[in-house]
Amino acid sequence: MKYFFYFILLLALGAGCKPRAAKGTAIQNKLIERMDVYLHKTLQPGVTFKIKDVIYYPERLKNNYICNFHVDMHYKNKDTTGIVAATISNDFSNVVRTQ
Protein backbone atom coordinates (compact mmCIF):
# COMPACT_ATOMS: atom_id res chain seq x y z
CA MET A 1 0.00 0.00 0.00
CA LYS A 2 2.91 2.30 0.79
CA TYR A 3 4.36 1.88 -2.73
CA PHE A 4 0.99 2.49 -4.32
CA PHE A 5 0.73 5.83 -2.48
CA TYR A 6 4.21 6.87 -3.71
CA PHE A 7 3.32 5.86 -7.25
CA ILE A 8 0.14 7.98 -7.19
CA LEU A 9 2.10 10.91 -5.69
CA LEU A 10 4.76 10.73 -8.41
CA LEU A 11 2.11 10.45 -11.10
CA ALA A 12 0.32 13.54 -9.76
CA LEU A 13 3.58 15.50 -9.61
CA GLY A 14 4.43 14.48 -13.16
CA ALA A 15 1.04 15.56 -14.47
CA GLY A 16 1.17 18.83 -12.57
CA CYS A 17 4.61 19.78 -13.89
CA LYS A 18 3.70 19.31 -17.56
CA PRO A 19 3.87 22.62 -19.45
CA ARG A 20 0.50 23.78 -20.70
CA ALA A 21 -0.11 24.67 -24.31
CA ALA A 22 -0.66 28.34 -24.99
CA LYS A 23 -4.07 29.36 -26.32
CA GLY A 24 -5.75 32.31 -27.99
CA THR A 25 -4.18 35.71 -27.54
CA ALA A 26 -1.17 34.20 -25.76
CA ILE A 27 -0.19 32.44 -29.00
CA GLN A 28 -0.73 35.63 -31.01
CA ASN A 29 1.44 37.63 -28.61
CA LYS A 30 4.22 35.01 -28.72
CA LEU A 31 4.12 34.88 -32.54
CA ILE A 32 4.27 38.68 -32.80
CA GLU A 33 7.09 38.84 -30.24
CA ARG A 34 9.10 36.18 -32.07
CA MET A 35 8.62 37.84 -35.47
CA ASP A 36 9.63 41.19 -33.96
CA VAL A 37 12.92 39.68 -32.80
CA TYR A 38 13.46 38.02 -36.19
CA LEU A 39 12.81 41.23 -38.14
CA HIS A 40 15.14 43.23 -35.89
CA LYS A 41 17.92 40.75 -36.70
CA THR A 42 17.34 40.50 -40.46
CA LEU A 43 16.22 43.93 -41.72
CA GLN A 44 18.63 46.61 -42.86
CA PRO A 45 19.76 49.23 -40.32
CA GLY A 46 17.49 52.27 -40.31
CA VAL A 47 14.30 50.38 -41.12
CA THR A 48 11.62 50.78 -38.47
CA PHE A 49 8.51 48.66 -38.39
CA LYS A 50 5.41 47.93 -36.39
CA ILE A 51 3.59 44.60 -36.50
CA LYS A 52 -0.14 45.35 -36.49
CA ASP A 53 -1.61 41.86 -36.24
CA VAL A 54 -1.15 38.23 -37.19
CA ILE A 55 -3.33 35.63 -38.88
CA TYR A 56 -2.16 32.09 -38.18
CA TYR A 57 -3.18 28.47 -38.18
CA PRO A 58 -1.41 25.48 -36.65
CA GLU A 59 -0.04 22.81 -38.95
CA ARG A 60 -0.29 19.67 -36.83
CA LEU A 61 1.81 17.30 -38.98
CA LYS A 62 4.94 19.47 -38.98
CA ASN A 63 4.38 21.14 -35.58
CA ASN A 64 4.43 24.66 -37.06
CA TYR A 65 2.33 27.77 -37.22
CA ILE A 66 1.72 29.21 -40.69
CA CYS A 67 1.54 32.99 -40.15
CA ASN A 68 0.73 36.17 -42.08
CA PHE A 69 1.80 39.36 -40.30
CA HIS A 70 0.50 42.80 -41.30
CA VAL A 71 3.49 45.13 -40.95
CA ASP A 72 4.01 48.90 -41.33
CA MET A 73 7.60 49.64 -42.43
CA HIS A 74 9.36 53.00 -42.59
CA TYR A 75 12.70 53.67 -44.24
CA LYS A 76 14.02 57.23 -44.62
CA ASN A 77 11.20 59.12 -46.39
CA LYS A 78 9.34 56.01 -47.55
CA ASP A 79 6.72 53.93 -45.82
CA THR A 80 4.71 50.90 -46.77
CA THR A 81 2.20 48.47 -45.36
CA GLY A 82 2.53 44.85 -46.33
CA ILE A 83 2.26 41.23 -45.39
CA VAL A 84 5.17 39.17 -44.10
CA ALA A 85 4.54 35.42 -44.31
CA ALA A 86 6.47 33.02 -42.12
CA THR A 87 6.47 29.58 -40.58
CA ILE A 88 7.19 29.46 -36.85
CA SER A 89 7.78 26.26 -34.89
CA ASN A 90 5.46 25.31 -32.03
CA ASP A 91 8.13 26.07 -29.43
CA PHE A 92 8.70 29.52 -31.06
CA SER A 93 12.42 28.85 -31.53
CA ASN A 94 12.62 28.63 -35.33
CA VAL A 95 11.35 31.25 -37.83
CA VAL A 96 11.41 30.68 -41.58
CA ARG A 97 10.26 33.61 -43.67
CA THR A 98 8.30 32.49 -46.75
CA GLN A 99 7.43 35.89 -48.25
PDB file of N, CA and C in Angstrom:
ATOM      1  N   MET A   1       0.834  -1.191   0.000  1.00  0.00           N
ATOM      2  CA  MET A   1       0.000   0.000   0.000  1.00  0.00           C
ATOM      3  C   MET A   1       0.882   1.259   0.000  1.00  0.00           C
ATOM      4  N   LYS A   2       2.005   1.161   0.704  1.00  0.00           N
ATOM      5  CA  LYS A   2       2.905   2.301   0.787  1.00  0.00           C
ATOM      6  C   LYS A   2       3.460   2.639  -0.602  1.00  0.00           C
ATOM      7  N   TYR A   3       3.825   1.645  -1.394  1.00  0.00           N
ATOM      8  CA  TYR A   3       4.364   1.883  -2.732  1.00  0.00           C
ATOM      9  C   TYR A   3       3.301   2.433  -3.677  1.00  0.00           C
ATOM     10  N   PHE A   4       2.083   1.984  -3.499  1.00  0.00           N
ATOM     11  CA  PHE A   4       0.992   2.489  -4.318  1.00  0.00           C
ATOM     12  C   PHE A   4       0.789   3.987  -4.066  1.00  0.00           C
ATOM     13  N   PHE A   5       0.869   4.411  -2.829  1.00  0.00           N
ATOM     14  CA  PHE A   5       0.735   5.831  -2.479  1.00  0.00           C
ATOM     15  C   PHE A   5       1.853   6.657  -3.128  1.00  0.00           C
ATOM     16  N   TYR A   6       3.086   6.164  -3.082  1.00  0.00           N
ATOM     17  CA  TYR A   6       4.212   6.872  -3.711  1.00  0.00           C
ATOM     18  C   TYR A   6       4.054   6.942  -5.235  1.00  0.00           C
ATOM     19  N   PHE A   7       3.555   5.876  -5.811  1.00  0.00           N
ATOM     20  CA  PHE A   7       3.321   5.861  -7.250  1.00  0.00           C
ATOM     21  C   PHE A   7       2.280   6.919  -7.652  1.00  0.00           C
ATOM     22  N   ILE A   8       1.192   6.987  -6.914  1.00  0.00           N
ATOM     23  CA  ILE A   8       0.143   7.985  -7.191  1.00  0.00           C
ATOM     24  C   ILE A   8       0.702   9.393  -6.974  1.00  0.00           C
ATOM     25  N   LEU A   9       1.501   9.604  -5.963  1.00  0.00           N
ATOM     26  CA  LEU A   9       2.099  10.909  -5.686  1.00  0.00           C
ATOM     27  C   LEU A   9       3.030  11.324  -6.829  1.00  0.00           C
ATOM     28  N   LEU A  10       3.875  10.421  -7.293  1.00  0.00           N
ATOM     29  CA  LEU A  10       4.764  10.727  -8.413  1.00  0.00           C
ATOM     30  C   LEU A  10       3.986  10.987  -9.704  1.00  0.00           C
ATOM     31  N   LEU A  11       2.947  10.242  -9.924  1.00  0.00           N
ATOM     32  CA  LEU A  11       2.108  10.446 -11.098  1.00  0.00           C
ATOM     33  C   LEU A  11       1.435  11.823 -11.053  1.00  0.00           C
ATOM     34  N   ALA A  12       0.950  12.224  -9.915  1.00  0.00           N
ATOM     35  CA  ALA A  12       0.315  13.539  -9.760  1.00  0.00           C
ATOM     36  C   ALA A  12       1.332  14.663  -9.950  1.00  0.00           C
ATOM     37  N   LEU A  13       2.538  14.496  -9.424  1.00  0.00           N
ATOM     38  CA  LEU A  13       3.583  15.503  -9.611  1.00  0.00           C
ATOM     39  C   LEU A  13       3.983  15.612 -11.082  1.00  0.00           C
ATOM     40  N   GLY A  14       4.081  14.472 -11.746  1.00  0.00           N
ATOM     41  CA  GLY A  14       4.434  14.483 -13.164  1.00  0.00           C
ATOM     42  C   GLY A  14       3.370  15.161 -14.016  1.00  0.00           C
ATOM     43  N   ALA A  15       2.130  14.929 -13.709  1.00  0.00           N
ATOM     44  CA  ALA A  15       1.042  15.557 -14.473  1.00  0.00           C
ATOM     45  C   ALA A  15       0.944  17.048 -14.158  1.00  0.00           C
ATOM     46  N   GLY A  16       1.248  17.421 -12.952  1.00  0.00           N
ATOM     47  CA  GLY A  16       1.169  18.825 -12.566  1.00  0.00           C
ATOM     48  C   GLY A  16       2.314  19.664 -13.109  1.00  0.00           C
ATOM     49  N   CYS A  17       3.437  19.050 -13.404  1.00  0.00           N
ATOM     50  CA  CYS A  17       4.607  19.777 -13.893  1.00  0.00           C
ATOM     51  C   CYS A  17       4.651  19.879 -15.416  1.00  0.00           C
ATOM     52  N   LYS A  18       3.718  19.266 -16.100  1.00  0.00           N
ATOM     53  CA  LYS A  18       3.702  19.306 -17.556  1.00  0.00           C
ATOM     54  C   LYS A  18       3.374  20.721 -18.032  1.00  0.00           C
ATOM     55  N   PRO A  19       4.175  21.270 -18.962  1.00  0.00           N
ATOM     56  CA  PRO A  19       3.868  22.624 -19.451  1.00  0.00           C
ATOM     57  C   PRO A  19       2.559  22.634 -20.233  1.00  0.00           C
ATOM     58  N   ARG A  20       1.792  23.675 -20.035  1.00  0.00           N
ATOM     59  CA  ARG A  20       0.503  23.781 -20.702  1.00  0.00           C
ATOM     60  C   ARG A  20       0.665  24.472 -22.045  1.00  0.00           C
ATOM     61  N   ALA A  21      -0.132  24.061 -22.983  1.00  0.00           N
ATOM     62  CA  ALA A  21      -0.107  24.665 -24.306  1.00  0.00           C
ATOM     63  C   ALA A  21      -0.743  26.049 -24.247  1.00  0.00           C
ATOM     64  N   ALA A  22      -0.120  26.989 -24.941  1.00  0.00           N
ATOM     65  CA  ALA A  22      -0.659  28.344 -24.991  1.00  0.00           C
ATOM     66  C   ALA A  22      -1.905  28.364 -25.870  1.00  0.00           C
ATOM     67  N   LYS A  23      -2.824  29.279 -25.555  1.00  0.00           N
ATOM     68  CA  LYS A  23      -4.066  29.364 -26.321  1.00  0.00           C
ATOM     69  C   LYS A  23      -4.404  30.815 -26.609  1.00  0.00           C
ATOM     70  N   GLY A  24      -5.158  31.021 -27.681  1.00  0.00           N
ATOM     71  CA  GLY A  24      -5.754  32.310 -27.992  1.00  0.00           C
ATOM     72  C   GLY A  24      -4.776  33.444 -28.158  1.00  0.00           C
ATOM     73  N   THR A  25      -5.002  34.506 -27.400  1.00  0.00           N
ATOM     74  CA  THR A  25      -4.180  35.707 -27.538  1.00  0.00           C
ATOM     75  C   THR A  25      -2.752  35.478 -27.064  1.00  0.00           C
ATOM     76  N   ALA A  26      -2.534  34.499 -26.200  1.00  0.00           N
ATOM     77  CA  ALA A  26      -1.170  34.199 -25.760  1.00  0.00           C
ATOM     78  C   ALA A  26      -0.324  33.718 -26.941  1.00  0.00           C
ATOM     79  N   ILE A  27      -0.911  32.902 -27.807  1.00  0.00           N
ATOM     80  CA  ILE A  27      -0.191  32.443 -28.996  1.00  0.00           C
ATOM     81  C   ILE A  27       0.080  33.616 -29.921  1.00  0.00           C
ATOM     82  N   GLN A  28      -0.916  34.466 -30.146  1.00  0.00           N
ATOM     83  CA  GLN A  28      -0.730  35.631 -31.008  1.00  0.00           C
ATOM     84  C   GLN A  28       0.384  36.519 -30.483  1.00  0.00           C
ATOM     85  N   ASN A  29       0.401  36.772 -29.192  1.00  0.00           N
ATOM     86  CA  ASN A  29       1.440  37.625 -28.610  1.00  0.00           C
ATOM     87  C   ASN A  29       2.823  36.994 -28.760  1.00  0.00           C
ATOM     88  N   LYS A  30       2.929  35.690 -28.559  1.00  0.00           N
ATOM     89  CA  LYS A  30       4.224  35.011 -28.718  1.00  0.00           C
ATOM     90  C   LYS A  30       4.691  35.054 -30.171  1.00  0.00           C
ATOM     91  N   LEU A  31       3.761  34.840 -31.120  1.00  0.00           N
ATOM     92  CA  LEU A  31       4.123  34.880 -32.536  1.00  0.00           C
ATOM     93  C   LEU A  31       4.590  36.267 -32.937  1.00  0.00           C
ATOM     94  N   ILE A  32       3.884  37.302 -32.487  1.00  0.00           N
ATOM     95  CA  ILE A  32       4.272  38.684 -32.797  1.00  0.00           C
ATOM     96  C   ILE A  32       5.619  39.007 -32.170  1.00  0.00           C
ATOM     97  N   GLU A  33       5.817  38.590 -30.930  1.00  0.00           N
ATOM     98  CA  GLU A  33       7.092  38.839 -30.243  1.00  0.00           C
ATOM     99  C   GLU A  33       8.246  38.154 -30.966  1.00  0.00           C
ATOM    100  N   ARG A  34       8.043  36.922 -31.390  1.00  0.00           N
ATOM    101  CA  ARG A  34       9.100  36.178 -32.071  1.00  0.00           C
ATOM    102  C   ARG A  34       9.419  36.784 -33.438  1.00  0.00           C
ATOM    103  N   MET A  35       8.385  37.210 -34.177  1.00  0.00           N
ATOM    104  CA  MET A  35       8.620  37.837 -35.475  1.00  0.00           C
ATOM    105  C   MET A  35       9.296  39.184 -35.304  1.00  0.00           C
ATOM    106  N   ASP A  36       8.974  39.910 -34.252  1.00  0.00           N
ATOM    107  CA  ASP A  36       9.627  41.192 -33.963  1.00  0.00           C
ATOM    108  C   ASP A  36      11.122  40.988 -33.781  1.00  0.00           C
ATOM    109  N   VAL A  37      11.510  39.984 -33.016  1.00  0.00           N
ATOM    110  CA  VAL A  37      12.924  39.678 -32.802  1.00  0.00           C
ATOM    111  C   VAL A  37      13.585  39.285 -34.121  1.00  0.00           C
ATOM    112  N   TYR A  38      12.907  38.466 -34.906  1.00  0.00           N
ATOM    113  CA  TYR A  38      13.456  38.017 -36.186  1.00  0.00           C
ATOM    114  C   TYR A  38      13.665  39.194 -37.139  1.00  0.00           C
ATOM    115  N   LEU A  39      12.684  40.086 -37.237  1.00  0.00           N
ATOM    116  CA  LEU A  39      12.809  41.228 -38.143  1.00  0.00           C
ATOM    117  C   LEU A  39      13.907  42.189 -37.690  1.00  0.00           C
ATOM    118  N   HIS A  40      14.061  42.375 -36.383  1.00  0.00           N
ATOM    119  CA  HIS A  40      15.139  43.227 -35.888  1.00  0.00           C
ATOM    120  C   HIS A  40      16.508  42.684 -36.296  1.00  0.00           C
ATOM    121  N   LYS A  41      16.635  41.364 -36.338  1.00  0.00           N
ATOM    122  CA  LYS A  41      17.917  40.754 -36.702  1.00  0.00           C
ATOM    123  C   LYS A  41      18.174  40.790 -38.202  1.00  0.00           C
ATOM    124  N   THR A  42      17.129  40.701 -39.034  1.00  0.00           N
ATOM    125  CA  THR A  42      17.336  40.499 -40.464  1.00  0.00           C
ATOM    126  C   THR A  42      17.156  41.738 -41.331  1.00  0.00           C
ATOM    127  N   LEU A  43      16.438  42.754 -40.878  1.00  0.00           N
ATOM    128  CA  LEU A  43      16.219  43.932 -41.716  1.00  0.00           C
ATOM    129  C   LEU A  43      17.442  44.838 -41.714  1.00  0.00           C
ATOM    130  N   GLN A  44      17.520  45.676 -42.740  1.00  0.00           N
ATOM    131  CA  GLN A  44      18.629  46.614 -42.859  1.00  0.00           C
ATOM    132  C   GLN A  44      18.586  47.633 -41.727  1.00  0.00           C
ATOM    133  N   PRO A  45      19.740  48.175 -41.341  1.00  0.00           N
ATOM    134  CA  PRO A  45      19.756  49.225 -40.322  1.00  0.00           C
ATOM    135  C   PRO A  45      18.998  50.456 -40.825  1.00  0.00           C
ATOM    136  N   GLY A  46      18.252  51.080 -39.956  1.00  0.00           N
ATOM    137  CA  GLY A  46      17.491  52.274 -40.314  1.00  0.00           C
ATOM    138  C   GLY A  46      16.042  51.991 -40.651  1.00  0.00           C
ATOM    139  N   VAL A  47      15.690  50.744 -40.830  1.00  0.00           N
ATOM    140  CA  VAL A  47      14.302  50.379 -41.117  1.00  0.00           C
ATOM    141  C   VAL A  47      13.572  50.223 -39.791  1.00  0.00           C
ATOM    142  N   THR A  48      12.471  50.947 -39.652  1.00  0.00           N
ATOM    143  CA  THR A  48      11.623  50.782 -38.470  1.00  0.00           C
ATOM    144  C   THR A  48      10.325  50.122 -38.917  1.00  0.00           C
ATOM    145  N   PHE A  49       9.729  49.374 -38.042  1.00  0.00           N
ATOM    146  CA  PHE A  49       8.507  48.659 -38.393  1.00  0.00           C
ATOM    147  C   PHE A  49       7.630  48.498 -37.176  1.00  0.00           C
ATOM    148  N   LYS A  50       6.366  48.226 -37.443  1.00  0.00           N
ATOM    149  CA  LYS A  50       5.406  47.926 -36.389  1.00  0.00           C
ATOM    150  C   LYS A  50       4.519  46.804 -36.897  1.00  0.00           C
ATOM    151  N   ILE A  51       4.447  45.732 -36.145  1.00  0.00           N
ATOM    152  CA  ILE A  51       3.594  44.603 -36.501  1.00  0.00           C
ATOM    153  C   ILE A  51       2.199  44.897 -35.961  1.00  0.00           C
ATOM    154  N   LYS A  52       1.227  44.989 -36.872  1.00  0.00           N
ATOM    155  CA  LYS A  52      -0.135  45.348 -36.488  1.00  0.00           C
ATOM    156  C   LYS A  52      -0.915  44.155 -35.954  1.00  0.00           C
ATOM    157  N   ASP A  53      -0.900  43.055 -36.685  1.00  0.00           N
ATOM    158  CA  ASP A  53      -1.607  41.861 -36.237  1.00  0.00           C
ATOM    159  C   ASP A  53      -1.073  40.642 -36.976  1.00  0.00           C
ATOM    160  N   VAL A  54      -1.588  39.483 -36.585  1.00  0.00           N
ATOM    161  CA  VAL A  54      -1.154  38.229 -37.186  1.00  0.00           C
ATOM    162  C   VAL A  54      -2.380  37.350 -37.433  1.00  0.00           C
ATOM    163  N   ILE A  55      -2.348  36.671 -38.564  1.00  0.00           N
ATOM    164  CA  ILE A  55      -3.325  35.632 -38.875  1.00  0.00           C
ATOM    165  C   ILE A  55      -2.523  34.342 -38.958  1.00  0.00           C
ATOM    166  N   TYR A  56      -2.942  33.328 -38.236  1.00  0.00           N
ATOM    167  CA  TYR A  56      -2.162  32.094 -38.180  1.00  0.00           C
ATOM    168  C   TYR A  56      -3.080  30.884 -38.101  1.00  0.00           C
ATOM    169  N   TYR A  57      -2.516  29.731 -38.462  1.00  0.00           N
ATOM    170  CA  TYR A  57      -3.177  28.468 -38.183  1.00  0.00           C
ATOM    171  C   TYR A  57      -2.112  27.422 -37.899  1.00  0.00           C
ATOM    172  N   PRO A  58      -2.400  26.504 -36.986  1.00  0.00           N
ATOM    173  CA  PRO A  58      -1.412  25.476 -36.653  1.00  0.00           C
ATOM    174  C   PRO A  58      -1.397  24.367 -37.708  1.00  0.00           C
ATOM    175  N   GLU A  59      -0.217  23.938 -38.054  1.00  0.00           N
ATOM    176  CA  GLU A  59      -0.039  22.807 -38.955  1.00  0.00           C
ATOM    177  C   GLU A  59       0.400  21.632 -38.082  1.00  0.00           C
ATOM    178  N   ARG A  60      -0.510  20.737 -37.808  1.00  0.00           N
ATOM    179  CA  ARG A  60      -0.293  19.671 -36.831  1.00  0.00           C
ATOM    180  C   ARG A  60       0.785  18.668 -37.252  1.00  0.00           C
ATOM    181  N   LEU A  61       0.861  18.332 -38.541  1.00  0.00           N
ATOM    182  CA  LEU A  61       1.806  17.300 -38.976  1.00  0.00           C
ATOM    183  C   LEU A  61       3.257  17.721 -38.820  1.00  0.00           C
ATOM    184  N   LYS A  62       3.556  18.993 -39.058  1.00  0.00           N
ATOM    185  CA  LYS A  62       4.939  19.469 -38.981  1.00  0.00           C
ATOM    186  C   LYS A  62       5.220  20.272 -37.722  1.00  0.00           C
ATOM    187  N   ASN A  63       4.244  20.383 -36.831  1.00  0.00           N
ATOM    188  CA  ASN A  63       4.383  21.137 -35.584  1.00  0.00           C
ATOM    189  C   ASN A  63       4.838  22.570 -35.832  1.00  0.00           C
ATOM    190  N   ASN A  64       4.127  23.272 -36.709  1.00  0.00           N
ATOM    191  CA  ASN A  64       4.433  24.656 -37.062  1.00  0.00           C
ATOM    192  C   ASN A  64       3.175  25.502 -37.009  1.00  0.00           C
ATOM    193  N   TYR A  65       3.396  26.809 -36.994  1.00  0.00           N
ATOM    194  CA  TYR A  65       2.328  27.767 -37.225  1.00  0.00           C
ATOM    195  C   TYR A  65       2.609  28.452 -38.556  1.00  0.00           C
ATOM    196  N   ILE A  66       1.627  28.480 -39.438  1.00  0.00           N
ATOM    197  CA  ILE A  66       1.719  29.211 -40.690  1.00  0.00           C
ATOM    198  C   ILE A  66       1.136  30.594 -40.400  1.00  0.00           C
ATOM    199  N   CYS A  67       1.926  31.652 -40.599  1.00  0.00           N
ATOM    200  CA  CYS A  67       1.543  32.989 -40.153  1.00  0.00           C
ATOM    201  C   CYS A  67       1.605  34.012 -41.282  1.00  0.00           C
ATOM    202  N   ASN A  68       0.694  34.977 -41.238  1.00  0.00           N
ATOM    203  CA  ASN A  68       0.734  36.172 -42.080  1.00  0.00           C
ATOM    204  C   ASN A  68       0.673  37.378 -41.148  1.00  0.00           C
ATOM    205  N   PHE A  69       1.719  38.181 -41.149  1.00  0.00           N
ATOM    206  CA  PHE A  69       1.805  39.357 -40.300  1.00  0.00           C
ATOM    207  C   PHE A  69       1.536  40.606 -41.137  1.00  0.00           C
ATOM    208  N   HIS A  70       0.696  41.505 -40.659  1.00  0.00           N
ATOM    209  CA  HIS A  70       0.504  42.805 -41.299  1.00  0.00           C
ATOM    210  C   HIS A  70       1.488  43.775 -40.644  1.00  0.00           C
ATOM    211  N   VAL A  71       2.372  44.351 -41.476  1.00  0.00           N
ATOM    212  CA  VAL A  71       3.489  45.131 -40.954  1.00  0.00           C
ATOM    213  C   VAL A  71       3.529  46.497 -41.626  1.00  0.00           C
ATOM    214  N   ASP A  72       3.727  47.557 -40.822  1.00  0.00           N
ATOM    215  CA  ASP A  72       4.015  48.899 -41.328  1.00  0.00           C
ATOM    216  C   ASP A  72       5.520  49.094 -41.256  1.00  0.00           C
ATOM    217  N   MET A  73       6.151  49.418 -42.391  1.00  0.00           N
ATOM    218  CA  MET A  73       7.596  49.637 -42.430  1.00  0.00           C
ATOM    219  C   MET A  73       7.888  51.059 -42.876  1.00  0.00           C
ATOM    220  N   HIS A  74       8.912  51.646 -42.261  1.00  0.00           N
ATOM    221  CA  HIS A  74       9.356  53.000 -42.594  1.00  0.00           C
ATOM    222  C   HIS A  74      10.855  52.972 -42.822  1.00  0.00           C
ATOM    223  N   TYR A  75      11.283  53.579 -43.930  1.00  0.00           N
ATOM    224  CA  TYR A  75      12.701  53.669 -44.245  1.00  0.00           C
ATOM    225  C   TYR A  75      12.953  55.033 -44.876  1.00  0.00           C
ATOM    226  N   LYS A  76      13.731  55.852 -44.197  1.00  0.00           N
ATOM    227  CA  LYS A  76      14.015  57.227 -44.617  1.00  0.00           C
ATOM    228  C   LYS A  76      12.705  57.960 -44.868  1.00  0.00           C
ATOM    229  N   ASN A  77      12.427  58.372 -46.098  1.00  0.00           N
ATOM    230  CA  ASN A  77      11.197  59.116 -46.390  1.00  0.00           C
ATOM    231  C   ASN A  77      10.115  58.238 -46.993  1.00  0.00           C
ATOM    232  N   LYS A  78      10.287  56.934 -46.947  1.00  0.00           N
ATOM    233  CA  LYS A  78       9.339  56.008 -47.551  1.00  0.00           C
ATOM    234  C   LYS A  78       8.658  55.183 -46.464  1.00  0.00           C
ATOM    235  N   ASP A  79       7.414  54.843 -46.724  1.00  0.00           N
ATOM    236  CA  ASP A  79       6.720  53.933 -45.819  1.00  0.00           C
ATOM    237  C   ASP A  79       5.811  53.030 -46.637  1.00  0.00           C
ATOM    238  N   THR A  80       5.542  51.870 -46.084  1.00  0.00           N
ATOM    239  CA  THR A  80       4.712  50.897 -46.769  1.00  0.00           C
ATOM    240  C   THR A  80       4.025  50.007 -45.748  1.00  0.00           C
ATOM    241  N   THR A  81       2.914  49.465 -46.153  1.00  0.00           N
ATOM    242  CA  THR A  81       2.204  48.469 -45.363  1.00  0.00           C
ATOM    243  C   THR A  81       2.166  47.199 -46.185  1.00  0.00           C
ATOM    244  N   GLY A  82       2.504  46.092 -45.582  1.00  0.00           N
ATOM    245  CA  GLY A  82       2.533  44.849 -46.330  1.00  0.00           C
ATOM    246  C   GLY A  82       2.315  43.648 -45.451  1.00  0.00           C
ATOM    247  N   ILE A  83       2.432  42.504 -46.075  1.00  0.00           N
ATOM    248  CA  ILE A  83       2.262  41.230 -45.386  1.00  0.00           C
ATOM    249  C   ILE A  83       3.593  40.496 -45.394  1.00  0.00           C
ATOM    250  N   VAL A  84       3.986  40.007 -44.237  1.00  0.00           N
ATOM    251  CA  VAL A  84       5.172  39.167 -44.104  1.00  0.00           C
ATOM    252  C   VAL A  84       4.665  37.781 -43.722  1.00  0.00           C
ATOM    253  N   ALA A  85       4.954  36.799 -44.563  1.00  0.00           N
ATOM    254  CA  ALA A  85       4.536  35.420 -44.306  1.00  0.00           C
ATOM    255  C   ALA A  85       5.713  34.647 -43.730  1.00  0.00           C
ATOM    256  N   ALA A  86       5.419  33.801 -42.759  1.00  0.00           N
ATOM    257  CA  ALA A  86       6.474  33.021 -42.122  1.00  0.00           C
ATOM    258  C   ALA A  86       5.903  31.738 -41.535  1.00  0.00           C
ATOM    259  N   THR A  87       6.794  30.806 -41.290  1.00  0.00           N
ATOM    260  CA  THR A  87       6.470  29.578 -40.583  1.00  0.00           C
ATOM    261  C   THR A  87       7.262  29.585 -39.288  1.00  0.00           C
ATOM    262  N   ILE A  88       6.561  29.424 -38.169  1.00  0.00           N
ATOM    263  CA  ILE A  88       7.194  29.459 -36.850  1.00  0.00           C
ATOM    264  C   ILE A  88       6.912  28.138 -36.147  1.00  0.00           C
ATOM    265  N   SER A  89       7.945  27.550 -35.564  1.00  0.00           N
ATOM    266  CA  SER A  89       7.780  26.261 -34.888  1.00  0.00           C
ATOM    267  C   SER A  89       6.913  26.410 -33.643  1.00  0.00           C
ATOM    268  N   ASN A  90       6.360  25.294 -33.186  1.00  0.00           N
ATOM    269  CA  ASN A  90       5.458  25.311 -32.029  1.00  0.00           C
ATOM    270  C   ASN A  90       6.131  25.803 -30.756  1.00  0.00           C
ATOM    271  N   ASP A  91       7.429  25.599 -30.625  1.00  0.00           N
ATOM    272  CA  ASP A  91       8.131  26.073 -29.433  1.00  0.00           C
ATOM    273  C   ASP A  91       8.693  27.476 -29.627  1.00  0.00           C
ATOM    274  N   PHE A  92       8.341  28.128 -30.740  1.00  0.00           N
ATOM    275  CA  PHE A  92       8.696  29.515 -31.055  1.00  0.00           C
ATOM    276  C   PHE A  92      10.214  29.743 -31.170  1.00  0.00           C
ATOM    277  N   SER A  93      10.959  28.691 -31.454  1.00  0.00           N
ATOM    278  CA  SER A  93      12.417  28.850 -31.530  1.00  0.00           C
ATOM    279  C   SER A  93      12.917  29.040 -32.959  1.00  0.00           C
ATOM    280  N   ASN A  94      12.147  28.604 -33.948  1.00  0.00           N
ATOM    281  CA  ASN A  94      12.615  28.634 -35.329  1.00  0.00           C
ATOM    282  C   ASN A  94      11.629  29.429 -36.188  1.00  0.00           C
ATOM    283  N   VAL A  95      12.155  30.425 -36.924  1.00  0.00           N
ATOM    284  CA  VAL A  95      11.348  31.247 -37.834  1.00  0.00           C
ATOM    285  C   VAL A  95      11.907  31.093 -39.238  1.00  0.00           C
ATOM    286  N   VAL A  96      11.039  30.766 -40.183  1.00  0.00           N
ATOM    287  CA  VAL A  96      11.411  30.677 -41.583  1.00  0.00           C
ATOM    288  C   VAL A  96      10.478  31.600 -42.354  1.00  0.00           C
ATOM    289  N   ARG A  97      11.053  32.643 -42.925  1.00  0.00           N
ATOM    290  CA  ARG A  97      10.257  33.613 -43.673  1.00  0.00           C
ATOM    291  C   ARG A  97       9.972  33.047 -45.061  1.00  0.00           C
ATOM    292  N   THR A  98       8.689  33.063 -45.456  1.00  0.00           N
ATOM    293  CA  THR A  98       8.304  32.494 -46.748  1.00  0.00           C
ATOM    294  C   THR A  98       7.955  33.572 -47.770  1.00  0.00           C
ATOM    295  N   GLN A  99       7.740  34.788 -47.333  1.00  0.00           N
ATOM    296  CA  GLN A  99       7.434  35.890 -48.254  1.00  0.00           C
ATOM    297  C   GLN A  99       7.902  37.183 -47.645  1.00  0.00           C
TER     298      GLN A  99
END
